[in-house]
Protein backbone atom coordinates (compact mmCIF):
# COMPACT_ATOMS: atom_id res chain seq x y z
CA UNK A 1 157.16 98.52 65.78
CA UNK A 2 154.08 99.69 63.93
CA UNK A 3 154.41 97.82 60.70
CA UNK A 4 156.37 94.65 60.77
CA UNK A 5 158.42 93.59 57.75
CA UNK A 6 156.18 90.63 56.98
CA UNK A 7 153.02 92.68 56.68
CA UNK A 8 154.82 95.23 54.53
CA UNK A 9 156.07 92.45 52.23
CA UNK A 10 152.55 91.04 51.87
CA UNK A 11 151.29 94.50 50.90
CA UNK A 12 153.95 94.85 48.21
CA UNK A 13 153.33 91.46 46.71
CA UNK A 14 149.58 92.10 46.68
CA UNK A 15 150.13 95.47 44.90
CA UNK A 16 152.41 93.77 42.40
CA UNK A 17 149.73 91.20 41.71
CA UNK A 18 147.11 93.90 41.22
CA UNK A 19 149.32 95.81 38.77
CA UNK A 20 150.03 92.69 36.75
CA UNK A 21 146.31 91.74 36.61
CA UNK A 22 145.16 95.28 35.89
CA UNK A 23 147.94 96.92 33.83
CA UNK A 24 145.81 99.89 32.74
CA UNK A 25 145.60 103.12 34.72
CA UNK A 26 141.80 103.21 34.36
CA UNK A 27 141.55 99.88 36.26
CA UNK A 28 144.20 100.21 38.88
CA UNK A 29 146.23 103.24 39.88
CA UNK A 30 148.40 103.95 42.91
CA UNK A 31 147.55 107.49 43.95
CA UNK A 32 150.40 107.98 46.40
CA UNK A 33 153.69 106.93 44.78
CA UNK A 34 155.72 108.36 47.68
CA UNK A 35 154.06 106.09 50.20
CA UNK A 36 154.67 103.07 47.92
CA UNK A 37 158.37 104.01 47.60
CA UNK A 38 158.66 104.38 51.33
CA UNK A 39 157.09 100.99 51.85
CA UNK A 40 159.50 99.33 49.38
CA UNK A 41 162.42 101.13 51.00
CA UNK A 42 161.31 99.84 54.38
CA UNK A 43 161.04 96.24 53.15
CA UNK A 44 164.42 96.27 51.53
CA UNK A 45 165.84 96.94 54.95
CA UNK A 46 167.37 100.18 53.89
CA UNK A 47 165.27 101.98 56.39
CA UNK A 48 164.20 101.35 59.94
CA UNK A 49 161.94 104.37 59.47
CA UNK A 50 158.33 103.20 59.46
CA UNK A 51 156.58 104.64 56.39
CA UNK A 52 154.86 107.92 57.25
CA UNK A 53 151.74 107.39 55.12
CA UNK A 54 149.56 104.53 53.95
CA UNK A 55 149.69 103.30 50.37
CA UNK A 56 146.60 104.57 48.59
CA UNK A 57 145.19 103.37 45.29
CA UNK A 58 142.04 103.24 43.17
CA UNK A 59 140.49 100.06 41.72
CA UNK A 60 137.77 100.60 39.15
CA UNK A 61 135.21 97.92 38.31
CA UNK A 62 132.71 97.93 35.47
CA UNK A 63 129.64 95.79 36.02
CA UNK A 64 126.29 95.31 34.30
CA UNK A 65 123.13 96.65 35.82
CA UNK A 66 119.80 94.93 35.19
CA UNK A 67 118.97 97.08 32.17
CA UNK A 68 122.23 95.74 30.60
CA UNK A 69 124.20 98.98 30.69
CA UNK A 70 127.66 99.08 32.17
CA UNK A 71 128.25 101.05 35.34
CA UNK A 72 131.62 101.89 36.82
CA UNK A 73 132.24 101.54 40.52
CA UNK A 74 135.40 103.07 41.96
CA UNK A 75 137.08 101.61 45.05
CA UNK A 76 139.28 104.19 46.83
CA UNK A 77 141.60 102.04 48.98
CA UNK A 78 144.21 102.63 51.65
CA UNK A 79 146.30 99.94 53.29
CA UNK A 80 146.93 100.59 57.03
CA UNK A 81 150.47 99.69 58.18
CA UNK A 82 149.20 96.62 59.96
CA UNK A 83 147.25 95.30 56.92
CA UNK A 84 146.50 92.41 56.40
CA UNK A 85 146.31 91.97 60.21
CA UNK A 86 143.68 94.70 60.03
CA UNK A 87 141.17 95.36 57.27
CA UNK A 88 141.97 97.68 54.35
CA UNK A 89 140.14 101.05 54.22
CA UNK A 90 137.87 100.96 51.19
CA UNK A 91 135.21 103.45 50.01
CA UNK A 92 133.16 102.39 47.00
CA UNK A 93 131.62 105.16 44.92
CA UNK A 94 129.50 105.46 41.81
CA UNK A 95 127.65 108.42 40.30
CA UNK A 96 124.50 106.27 40.32
CA UNK A 97 124.47 105.61 44.06
CA UNK A 98 122.53 107.92 46.35
CA UNK A 99 124.19 108.74 49.64
CA UNK A 100 122.22 106.14 51.58
CA UNK A 101 122.83 103.45 48.98
CA UNK A 102 126.56 104.22 49.12
CA UNK A 103 126.65 104.01 52.91
CA UNK A 104 124.80 100.65 52.87
CA UNK A 105 127.02 99.22 50.16
CA UNK A 106 130.19 100.17 52.01
CA UNK A 107 128.95 98.84 55.30
CA UNK A 108 127.96 95.50 53.70
CA UNK A 109 131.35 95.20 52.01
CA UNK A 110 133.07 95.81 55.33
CA UNK A 111 130.96 93.14 57.02
CA UNK A 112 131.76 90.66 54.26
CA UNK A 113 135.49 91.31 54.63
CA UNK A 114 135.33 91.10 58.44
CA UNK A 115 133.59 87.78 58.35
CA UNK A 116 135.80 86.17 55.72
CA UNK A 117 139.22 87.63 55.72
CA UNK A 118 140.56 88.50 59.07
CA UNK A 119 144.30 88.58 58.74
CA UNK A 120 144.51 87.69 55.05
CA UNK A 121 145.10 89.81 51.91
CA UNK A 122 141.66 90.55 50.51
CA UNK A 123 141.85 93.28 47.84
CA UNK A 124 140.97 90.97 44.97
CA UNK A 125 138.08 89.47 46.91
CA UNK A 126 136.80 92.92 47.73
CA UNK A 127 136.93 93.88 44.07
CA UNK A 128 135.11 90.60 43.08
CA UNK A 129 132.44 91.27 45.74
CA UNK A 130 131.85 94.75 44.36
CA UNK A 131 131.67 93.39 40.78
CA UNK A 132 129.06 90.80 41.82
CA UNK A 133 126.97 92.78 44.26
CA UNK A 134 127.29 96.52 43.73
CA UNK A 135 124.75 96.84 40.94
CA UNK A 136 122.00 95.56 43.27
CA UNK A 137 122.42 98.67 45.39
CA UNK A 138 121.39 100.96 42.53
CA UNK A 139 117.67 101.27 43.00
CA UNK A 140 116.32 101.43 39.47
CA UNK A 141 113.62 103.97 40.45
CA UNK A 142 116.27 106.28 41.80
CA UNK A 143 118.87 105.86 39.09
CA UNK A 144 116.87 107.70 36.41
CA UNK A 145 116.62 110.86 38.49
CA UNK A 146 120.13 110.58 39.96
CA UNK A 147 122.71 112.91 38.50
CA UNK A 148 126.48 113.02 38.85
CA UNK A 149 126.11 116.12 41.03
CA UNK A 150 124.44 114.02 43.76
CA UNK A 151 127.53 111.84 43.89
CA UNK A 152 129.62 114.70 45.22
CA UNK A 153 127.37 114.88 48.27
CA UNK A 154 127.97 111.31 49.18
CA UNK A 155 131.23 112.15 50.88
CA UNK A 156 131.23 111.59 54.62
CA UNK A 157 132.91 114.59 56.19
CA UNK A 158 136.30 113.72 57.67
CA UNK A 159 138.16 115.82 60.17
CA UNK A 160 141.95 115.37 59.93
CA UNK A 161 144.87 116.42 62.07
CA UNK A 162 148.38 116.18 60.55
CA UNK A 163 151.54 116.21 62.64
CA UNK A 164 154.37 117.24 60.34
CA UNK A 165 158.08 116.93 61.18
CA UNK A 166 160.82 118.84 59.50
CA UNK A 167 164.60 118.66 60.03
CA UNK A 168 164.42 122.45 60.60
CA UNK A 169 162.26 125.47 59.74
CA UNK A 170 164.14 128.80 59.70
CA UNK A 171 163.22 130.40 56.35
CA UNK A 172 160.94 133.46 56.85
CA UNK A 173 159.09 132.88 53.57
CA UNK A 174 158.26 129.28 54.48
CA UNK A 175 157.03 130.37 57.89
CA UNK A 176 154.83 132.96 56.22
CA UNK A 177 153.49 130.36 53.76
CA UNK A 178 152.58 127.98 56.60
CA UNK A 179 150.52 130.66 58.36
CA UNK A 180 148.94 132.13 55.18
CA UNK A 181 147.99 128.79 53.68
CA UNK A 182 146.53 127.49 56.93
CA UNK A 183 144.38 130.67 57.09
CA UNK A 184 143.32 130.35 53.47
CA UNK A 185 142.30 126.72 54.05
CA UNK A 186 140.55 127.35 57.39
CA UNK A 187 143.05 125.15 59.29
CA UNK A 188 144.07 125.65 62.92
CA UNK A 189 147.07 124.26 64.76
CA UNK A 190 150.58 125.67 65.35
CA UNK A 191 154.03 125.87 63.79
CA UNK A 192 157.22 125.64 65.91
CA UNK A 193 160.15 126.96 63.88
CA UNK A 194 163.77 126.08 64.63
CA UNK A 195 165.36 122.69 64.71
CA UNK A 196 163.51 120.39 64.61
CA UNK A 197 160.49 122.11 63.02
CA UNK A 198 157.06 120.93 64.04
CA UNK A 199 153.81 121.81 62.25
CA UNK A 200 150.36 120.69 63.25
CA UNK A 201 147.31 121.46 61.12
CA UNK A 202 143.71 120.38 61.67
CA UNK A 203 140.46 120.88 59.83
CA UNK A 204 138.62 119.31 56.85
CA UNK A 205 140.50 116.38 55.39
CA UNK A 206 140.61 117.85 51.85
CA UNK A 207 142.06 121.13 53.25
CA UNK A 208 144.74 119.31 55.24
CA UNK A 209 145.72 117.29 52.14
CA UNK A 210 145.90 120.45 50.03
CA UNK A 211 148.11 122.09 52.72
CA UNK A 212 150.42 119.04 52.79
CA UNK A 213 150.75 118.91 49.02
CA UNK A 214 151.75 122.61 48.95
CA UNK A 215 154.18 122.32 51.84
CA UNK A 216 155.98 119.28 50.58
CA UNK A 217 156.61 120.92 47.22
CA UNK A 218 158.88 123.49 48.89
CA UNK A 219 162.56 122.56 49.31
CA UNK A 220 163.32 120.82 52.59
CA UNK A 221 166.26 118.93 53.93
CA UNK A 222 163.67 116.43 55.31
CA UNK A 223 159.94 116.67 55.90
CA UNK A 224 157.36 114.01 56.60
CA UNK A 225 153.98 113.37 58.21
CA UNK A 226 154.87 111.83 61.57
CA UNK A 227 151.31 111.04 62.57
CA UNK A 228 147.86 111.50 61.15
CA UNK A 229 144.45 111.47 62.88
CA UNK A 230 141.22 111.07 60.89
CA UNK A 231 137.74 111.27 62.45
CA UNK A 232 134.60 110.60 60.39
CA UNK A 233 131.87 113.09 61.27
CA UNK A 234 128.23 112.24 61.04
CA UNK A 235 127.06 115.80 60.35
CA UNK A 236 128.28 117.96 57.49
CA UNK A 237 128.23 121.07 59.62
CA UNK A 238 130.76 123.69 60.54
CA UNK A 239 129.89 123.06 64.21
CA UNK A 240 130.98 119.40 63.96
CA UNK A 241 134.36 120.49 62.68
CA UNK A 242 134.74 123.17 65.37
CA UNK A 243 133.99 120.60 68.04
CA UNK A 244 136.95 118.44 67.01
CA UNK A 245 139.53 121.24 66.99
CA UNK A 246 142.16 121.35 69.73
CA UNK A 247 143.62 124.68 68.53
CA UNK A 248 141.62 127.82 67.82
CA UNK A 249 143.78 129.35 65.06
CA UNK A 250 147.13 128.59 63.52
CA UNK A 251 149.92 130.44 65.23
CA UNK A 252 153.65 130.28 65.36
CA UNK A 253 154.90 129.09 68.75
CA UNK A 254 158.42 129.97 69.78
CA UNK A 255 159.50 128.22 72.93
CA UNK A 256 162.59 130.26 73.49
CA UNK A 257 165.61 128.23 74.19
CA UNK A 258 168.36 129.88 76.11
CA UNK A 259 172.10 130.03 75.57
CA UNK A 260 174.04 130.27 72.37
CA UNK A 261 171.90 127.77 70.44
CA UNK A 262 169.01 130.16 70.18
CA UNK A 263 167.65 128.24 67.23
CA UNK A 264 166.97 125.11 69.30
CA UNK A 265 163.56 125.18 70.88
CA UNK A 266 162.89 124.25 74.46
CA UNK A 267 161.21 120.85 74.05
CA UNK A 268 160.09 120.84 77.68
CA UNK A 269 157.95 123.86 76.94
CA UNK A 270 156.64 122.19 73.77
CA UNK A 271 155.66 119.16 75.88
CA UNK A 272 153.70 121.35 78.35
CA UNK A 273 151.99 123.12 75.50
CA UNK A 274 150.93 119.78 73.94
CA UNK A 275 149.80 118.55 77.31
CA UNK A 276 147.54 121.59 77.74
CA UNK A 277 145.97 120.84 74.40
CA UNK A 278 145.41 117.19 75.21
CA UNK A 279 148.03 115.96 72.74
CA UNK A 280 150.90 114.93 75.04
CA UNK A 281 151.13 111.42 73.50
CA UNK A 282 152.30 113.03 70.25
CA UNK A 283 155.53 114.11 71.90
CA UNK A 284 156.76 110.54 72.03
CA UNK A 285 155.90 109.99 68.33
CA UNK A 286 158.05 112.97 67.43
CA UNK A 287 161.02 112.48 69.65
CA UNK A 288 160.86 108.82 70.69
CA UNK A 289 161.03 109.70 74.37
CA UNK A 290 158.43 110.03 77.07
CA UNK A 291 157.79 113.68 77.83
CA UNK A 292 157.97 114.91 81.41
């Protein structure tokens, strides 16, 4: 089982602690309420369904820099299912950090957490470390010429692949939306209509997240992200993204099933299709059985 109850309980009590210590939105805000609700649902034993996405939140810290002005650092955090057995994912940002300063700061924070907190809750300690150390990463010579616009370039490009599961996809308009939106957002992948419905999209992380937020707003009997893959890319370039793709465009794949239940897809054909694309292991995540 991916996330065991105990780890999920630790996550919830740590989030409760953070919200009681930092009651104001500008200090602490959960950015994915659905993921938090799923986690609580899981812990209360109402669901054997492992949550489909990590709880994500923002912690903001104001700290003094040597010239006595206050600077805000923002920690964008995500708790993997196995946290605290594995480290949290944290990216610290500030408009005064250059790209290289930001990379160094984040790498030093990670080292500090690895050396001191393997297996223990560490969000408060991470926040304290940032409060005490982050200002030192702002090189005074640079800070005067730095502008907020440079901060936007300090994103490391992330390539994402989302595997979305729906109870069924029949509606023609939804099927058209899936293809149109993927095209608009430069995403590739495939959509298998019928019951169950399977959608895979891949491309820039921000585009995948935009696609998911549009899709989930439509009315569904049930829809969730079954699996998510994120790859950090060194380069910013289009070529880096293209290299990661397993699908060339986004197309609808109908694996015709025979017999009266024409709306049920042939899962054997889906398995072979995934196998060709080097994604056969996904089949088990969707259907809980080994493909063959």
